Amino acid sequence: MKKLRNEQGFTLIEMMIVLLIISVLILVAIPNVTKHSKSIDDKGCDAYLKMVEGQVQAYKMDKKKFPATIGELSTAEYLPDNAKCPDGSELSIDTDGKVTVNTLNRGS
């Protein structure tokens, strides 16, 4: 005589309920993330701008002058090549060493 085993597992209904709950959570989360992506890009660009300003000051301390361009900072290895904001916006440096975001090239 063969003994019956008490096998534990999920039923098809339980699996379907779990998949339904996960699907609803994804449908709620995706629009919220895409809605805030512009804000996230702006904050990332602001943080990157502050970092570049720090590199401009480090360059000034080392070379006793402000860099003329972002490319000059890259050439001197203070920044990586093609340094841009996370949203693709380009940066520029004025004669006083102030870093600004070029709004004409600002990504959408």
N, C-alpha and C. Protein backbone atom coordinates (compact mmCIF):
# COMPACT_ATOMS: atom_id res chain seq x y z
N MET A 1 0.83 -1.17 0.00
CA MET A 1 0.00 0.00 0.00
C MET A 1 0.88 1.25 0.00
N LYS A 2 0.53 2.17 -0.83
CA LYS A 2 1.32 3.38 -1.00
C LYS A 2 0.75 4.48 -0.11
N LYS A 3 1.65 5.18 0.64
CA LYS A 3 1.20 6.26 1.50
C LYS A 3 1.06 7.54 0.68
N LEU A 4 0.06 8.33 0.98
CA LEU A 4 -0.11 9.62 0.33
C LEU A 4 0.76 10.66 1.04
N ARG A 5 1.44 11.43 0.25
CA ARG A 5 2.27 12.48 0.83
C ARG A 5 1.45 13.76 0.96
N ASN A 6 1.76 14.51 1.97
CA ASN A 6 1.10 15.79 2.16
C ASN A 6 1.96 16.84 1.45
N GLU A 7 1.73 17.02 0.16
CA GLU A 7 2.54 17.95 -0.62
C GLU A 7 1.99 19.36 -0.46
N GLN A 8 2.88 20.27 -0.12
CA GLN A 8 2.51 21.67 0.03
C GLN A 8 2.87 22.41 -1.25
N GLY A 9 2.05 23.36 -1.64
CA GLY A 9 2.32 24.14 -2.84
C GLY A 9 1.25 25.19 -3.03
N PHE A 10 1.45 26.00 -4.03
CA PHE A 10 0.48 27.04 -4.34
C PHE A 10 -0.50 26.52 -5.39
N THR A 11 -1.73 26.92 -5.22
CA THR A 11 -2.72 26.56 -6.22
C THR A 11 -2.69 27.58 -7.35
N LEU A 12 -3.33 27.25 -8.43
CA LEU A 12 -3.37 28.16 -9.57
C LEU A 12 -4.06 29.47 -9.20
N ILE A 13 -5.10 29.41 -8.41
CA ILE A 13 -5.83 30.61 -7.98
C ILE A 13 -4.92 31.52 -7.15
N GLU A 14 -4.16 30.94 -6.24
CA GLU A 14 -3.24 31.75 -5.42
C GLU A 14 -2.19 32.43 -6.28
N MET A 15 -1.65 31.72 -7.25
CA MET A 15 -0.65 32.31 -8.15
C MET A 15 -1.26 33.44 -8.97
N MET A 16 -2.49 33.27 -9.44
CA MET A 16 -3.16 34.30 -10.23
C MET A 16 -3.41 35.56 -9.38
N ILE A 17 -3.78 35.38 -8.13
CA ILE A 17 -4.00 36.52 -7.24
C ILE A 17 -2.70 37.29 -7.01
N VAL A 18 -1.61 36.58 -6.80
CA VAL A 18 -0.30 37.23 -6.62
C VAL A 18 0.08 38.00 -7.87
N LEU A 19 -0.09 37.42 -9.04
CA LEU A 19 0.22 38.11 -10.30
C LEU A 19 -0.66 39.33 -10.50
N LEU A 20 -1.91 39.25 -10.11
CA LEU A 20 -2.83 40.39 -10.21
C LEU A 20 -2.36 41.54 -9.31
N ILE A 21 -1.98 41.23 -8.10
CA ILE A 21 -1.51 42.25 -7.17
C ILE A 21 -0.23 42.91 -7.68
N ILE A 22 0.71 42.13 -8.18
CA ILE A 22 1.95 42.67 -8.73
C ILE A 22 1.65 43.57 -9.93
N SER A 23 0.74 43.15 -10.79
CA SER A 23 0.37 43.95 -11.97
C SER A 23 -0.23 45.29 -11.57
N VAL A 24 -1.10 45.28 -10.57
CA VAL A 24 -1.70 46.53 -10.10
C VAL A 24 -0.64 47.45 -9.53
N LEU A 25 0.29 46.93 -8.76
CA LEU A 25 1.37 47.74 -8.20
C LEU A 25 2.23 48.36 -9.30
N ILE A 26 2.53 47.60 -10.33
CA ILE A 26 3.32 48.13 -11.45
C ILE A 26 2.56 49.22 -12.18
N LEU A 27 1.27 49.01 -12.42
CA LEU A 27 0.44 50.01 -13.11
C LEU A 27 0.34 51.31 -12.31
N VAL A 28 0.42 51.23 -11.00
CA VAL A 28 0.37 52.43 -10.17
C VAL A 28 1.74 53.11 -10.12
N ALA A 29 2.81 52.34 -10.08
CA ALA A 29 4.15 52.90 -9.90
C ALA A 29 4.71 53.56 -11.16
N ILE A 30 4.51 52.98 -12.33
CA ILE A 30 5.13 53.50 -13.56
C ILE A 30 4.71 54.94 -13.88
N PRO A 31 3.43 55.30 -13.84
CA PRO A 31 3.09 56.69 -14.13
C PRO A 31 3.70 57.68 -13.13
N ASN A 32 3.82 57.30 -11.87
CA ASN A 32 4.41 58.19 -10.88
C ASN A 32 5.89 58.42 -11.16
N VAL A 33 6.60 57.41 -11.57
CA VAL A 33 8.02 57.56 -11.87
C VAL A 33 8.21 58.43 -13.11
N THR A 34 7.45 58.21 -14.15
CA THR A 34 7.60 59.01 -15.38
C THR A 34 7.17 60.45 -15.16
N LYS A 35 6.19 60.68 -14.29
CA LYS A 35 5.73 62.03 -14.01
C LYS A 35 6.82 62.85 -13.32
N HIS A 36 7.64 62.21 -12.52
CA HIS A 36 8.66 62.92 -11.75
C HIS A 36 10.04 62.89 -12.41
N SER A 37 10.16 62.36 -13.60
CA SER A 37 11.48 62.25 -14.23
C SER A 37 12.07 63.62 -14.55
N LYS A 38 11.25 64.60 -14.92
CA LYS A 38 11.75 65.96 -15.18
C LYS A 38 12.34 66.55 -13.91
N SER A 39 11.65 66.38 -12.80
CA SER A 39 12.15 66.88 -11.51
C SER A 39 13.45 66.18 -11.12
N ILE A 40 13.51 64.88 -11.38
CA ILE A 40 14.71 64.11 -11.07
C ILE A 40 15.88 64.60 -11.92
N ASP A 41 15.65 64.85 -13.22
CA ASP A 41 16.70 65.36 -14.10
C ASP A 41 17.18 66.73 -13.65
N ASP A 42 16.25 67.61 -13.26
CA ASP A 42 16.63 68.94 -12.80
C ASP A 42 17.49 68.88 -11.54
N LYS A 43 17.11 68.03 -10.60
CA LYS A 43 17.89 67.89 -9.37
C LYS A 43 19.26 67.28 -9.66
N GLY A 44 19.30 66.32 -10.57
CA GLY A 44 20.58 65.73 -10.95
C GLY A 44 21.49 66.75 -11.61
N CYS A 45 20.91 67.61 -12.45
CA CYS A 45 21.70 68.65 -13.12
C CYS A 45 22.21 69.67 -12.11
N ASP A 46 21.37 70.04 -11.14
CA ASP A 46 21.80 70.98 -10.10
C ASP A 46 22.96 70.40 -9.29
N ALA A 47 22.87 69.13 -8.95
CA ALA A 47 23.94 68.49 -8.19
C ALA A 47 25.23 68.42 -9.02
N TYR A 48 25.10 68.10 -10.30
CA TYR A 48 26.27 68.03 -11.17
C TYR A 48 26.91 69.42 -11.33
N LEU A 49 26.07 70.45 -11.42
CA LEU A 49 26.55 71.82 -11.54
C LEU A 49 27.39 72.19 -10.31
N LYS A 50 26.94 71.82 -9.12
CA LYS A 50 27.70 72.09 -7.89
C LYS A 50 29.04 71.36 -7.90
N MET A 51 29.04 70.13 -8.40
CA MET A 51 30.29 69.37 -8.47
C MET A 51 31.27 70.03 -9.44
N VAL A 52 30.77 70.50 -10.58
CA VAL A 52 31.63 71.17 -11.56
C VAL A 52 32.16 72.48 -10.98
N GLU A 53 31.32 73.21 -10.23
CA GLU A 53 31.80 74.44 -9.58
C GLU A 53 32.95 74.13 -8.62
N GLY A 54 32.87 73.01 -7.92
CA GLY A 54 33.96 72.58 -7.05
C GLY A 54 35.22 72.29 -7.84
N GLN A 55 35.06 71.67 -9.00
CA GLN A 55 36.23 71.37 -9.85
C GLN A 55 36.84 72.67 -10.41
N VAL A 56 35.99 73.66 -10.70
CA VAL A 56 36.50 74.96 -11.17
C VAL A 56 37.36 75.59 -10.08
N GLN A 57 36.90 75.51 -8.84
CA GLN A 57 37.67 76.08 -7.73
C GLN A 57 38.98 75.32 -7.52
N ALA A 58 38.95 74.00 -7.67
CA ALA A 58 40.17 73.21 -7.55
C ALA A 58 41.16 73.59 -8.65
N TYR A 59 40.65 73.78 -9.87
CA TYR A 59 41.48 74.21 -10.99
C TYR A 59 42.12 75.56 -10.69
N LYS A 60 41.32 76.49 -10.14
CA LYS A 60 41.82 77.83 -9.81
C LYS A 60 42.92 77.76 -8.77
N MET A 61 42.75 76.91 -7.78
CA MET A 61 43.80 76.77 -6.75
C MET A 61 45.08 76.20 -7.34
N ASP A 62 44.97 75.26 -8.25
CA ASP A 62 46.15 74.63 -8.85
C ASP A 62 46.82 75.51 -9.89
N LYS A 63 46.03 76.16 -10.74
CA LYS A 63 46.59 76.88 -11.91
C LYS A 63 46.61 78.39 -11.73
N LYS A 64 46.02 78.90 -10.64
CA LYS A 64 45.97 80.34 -10.36
C LYS A 64 45.16 81.13 -11.37
N LYS A 65 44.24 80.47 -12.05
CA LYS A 65 43.33 81.14 -12.99
C LYS A 65 42.11 80.25 -13.19
N PHE A 66 41.00 80.89 -13.63
CA PHE A 66 39.80 80.12 -13.93
C PHE A 66 39.94 79.47 -15.30
N PRO A 67 39.37 78.28 -15.48
CA PRO A 67 39.36 77.68 -16.82
C PRO A 67 38.44 78.48 -17.74
N ALA A 68 38.79 78.56 -19.01
CA ALA A 68 37.97 79.31 -19.97
C ALA A 68 36.74 78.51 -20.39
N THR A 69 36.86 77.19 -20.45
CA THR A 69 35.76 76.36 -20.93
C THR A 69 35.70 75.06 -20.13
N ILE A 70 34.59 74.36 -20.31
CA ILE A 70 34.45 73.02 -19.72
C ILE A 70 35.48 72.08 -20.34
N GLY A 71 35.75 72.28 -21.63
CA GLY A 71 36.74 71.45 -22.31
C GLY A 71 38.12 71.58 -21.70
N GLU A 72 38.46 72.77 -21.24
CA GLU A 72 39.75 72.97 -20.58
C GLU A 72 39.83 72.18 -19.27
N LEU A 73 38.71 72.13 -18.55
CA LEU A 73 38.67 71.29 -17.34
C LEU A 73 38.82 69.81 -17.69
N SER A 74 38.20 69.40 -18.78
CA SER A 74 38.30 68.00 -19.21
C SER A 74 39.73 67.66 -19.63
N THR A 75 40.35 68.57 -20.37
CA THR A 75 41.73 68.34 -20.83
C THR A 75 42.68 68.22 -19.65
N ALA A 76 42.46 69.03 -18.62
CA ALA A 76 43.30 68.97 -17.43
C ALA A 76 42.90 67.84 -16.48
N GLU A 77 41.94 67.01 -16.91
CA GLU A 77 41.47 65.84 -16.17
C GLU A 77 40.79 66.16 -14.84
N TYR A 78 40.12 67.32 -14.79
CA TYR A 78 39.29 67.65 -13.64
C TYR A 78 37.87 67.12 -13.85
N LEU A 79 37.49 66.90 -15.09
CA LEU A 79 36.18 66.36 -15.45
C LEU A 79 36.37 65.31 -16.54
N PRO A 80 35.41 64.39 -16.68
CA PRO A 80 35.49 63.44 -17.79
C PRO A 80 35.22 64.14 -19.12
N ASP A 81 35.60 63.52 -20.22
CA ASP A 81 35.31 64.08 -21.54
C ASP A 81 33.80 64.17 -21.72
N ASN A 82 33.37 65.18 -22.48
CA ASN A 82 31.94 65.41 -22.76
C ASN A 82 31.12 65.53 -21.48
N ALA A 83 31.61 66.33 -20.53
CA ALA A 83 30.90 66.53 -19.27
C ALA A 83 29.61 67.30 -19.53
N LYS A 84 28.49 66.67 -19.20
CA LYS A 84 27.17 67.27 -19.38
C LYS A 84 26.30 66.87 -18.20
N CYS A 85 25.20 67.59 -18.06
CA CYS A 85 24.19 67.22 -17.05
C CYS A 85 23.60 65.86 -17.40
N PRO A 86 23.00 65.19 -16.43
CA PRO A 86 22.37 63.90 -16.72
C PRO A 86 21.28 63.96 -17.79
N ASP A 87 20.65 65.14 -17.95
CA ASP A 87 19.60 65.27 -18.96
C ASP A 87 20.16 65.68 -20.33
N GLY A 88 21.49 65.80 -20.44
CA GLY A 88 22.12 66.13 -21.72
C GLY A 88 22.42 67.60 -21.90
N SER A 89 22.05 68.44 -20.93
CA SER A 89 22.32 69.88 -21.03
C SER A 89 23.82 70.15 -20.92
N GLU A 90 24.27 71.11 -21.71
CA GLU A 90 25.69 71.47 -21.68
C GLU A 90 25.91 72.57 -20.66
N LEU A 91 27.13 72.63 -20.13
CA LEU A 91 27.50 73.62 -19.13
C LEU A 91 28.49 74.61 -19.74
N SER A 92 28.53 75.81 -19.16
CA SER A 92 29.52 76.79 -19.60
C SER A 92 30.07 77.50 -18.37
N ILE A 93 31.25 78.10 -18.54
CA ILE A 93 31.92 78.81 -17.46
C ILE A 93 32.12 80.26 -17.90
N ASP A 94 31.73 81.23 -17.03
CA ASP A 94 31.98 82.63 -17.38
C ASP A 94 33.37 83.05 -16.89
N THR A 95 33.73 84.29 -17.11
CA THR A 95 35.07 84.76 -16.77
C THR A 95 35.33 84.79 -15.27
N ASP A 96 34.27 84.82 -14.45
CA ASP A 96 34.43 84.80 -13.00
C ASP A 96 34.43 83.39 -12.43
N GLY A 97 34.38 82.38 -13.28
CA GLY A 97 34.39 80.99 -12.83
C GLY A 97 33.03 80.46 -12.46
N LYS A 98 31.96 81.21 -12.74
CA LYS A 98 30.60 80.74 -12.43
C LYS A 98 30.15 79.77 -13.51
N VAL A 99 29.64 78.63 -13.09
CA VAL A 99 29.17 77.59 -14.01
C VAL A 99 27.67 77.75 -14.21
N THR A 100 27.23 77.73 -15.45
CA THR A 100 25.80 77.84 -15.76
C THR A 100 25.40 76.74 -16.74
N VAL A 101 24.10 76.47 -16.74
CA VAL A 101 23.54 75.48 -17.67
C VAL A 101 23.08 76.24 -18.90
N ASN A 102 23.48 75.78 -20.08
CA ASN A 102 23.03 76.39 -21.34
C ASN A 102 21.60 75.96 -21.57
N THR A 103 20.66 76.89 -21.40
CA THR A 103 19.24 76.54 -21.51
C THR A 103 18.84 76.26 -22.95
N LEU A 104 19.60 76.75 -23.93
CA LEU A 104 19.27 76.47 -25.35
C LEU A 104 19.48 75.00 -25.66
N ASN A 105 20.45 74.37 -25.01
CA ASN A 105 20.77 72.96 -25.27
C ASN A 105 20.11 72.03 -24.26
N ARG A 106 19.24 72.56 -23.43
CA ARG A 106 18.63 71.76 -22.37
C ARG A 106 17.78 70.65 -22.95
N GLY A 107 17.98 69.45 -22.47
CA GLY A 107 17.22 68.30 -22.95
C GLY A 107 15.77 68.41 -22.54
N SER A 108 14.90 67.70 -23.28
CA SER A 108 13.47 67.77 -22.96
C SER A 108 13.04 66.71 -21.99
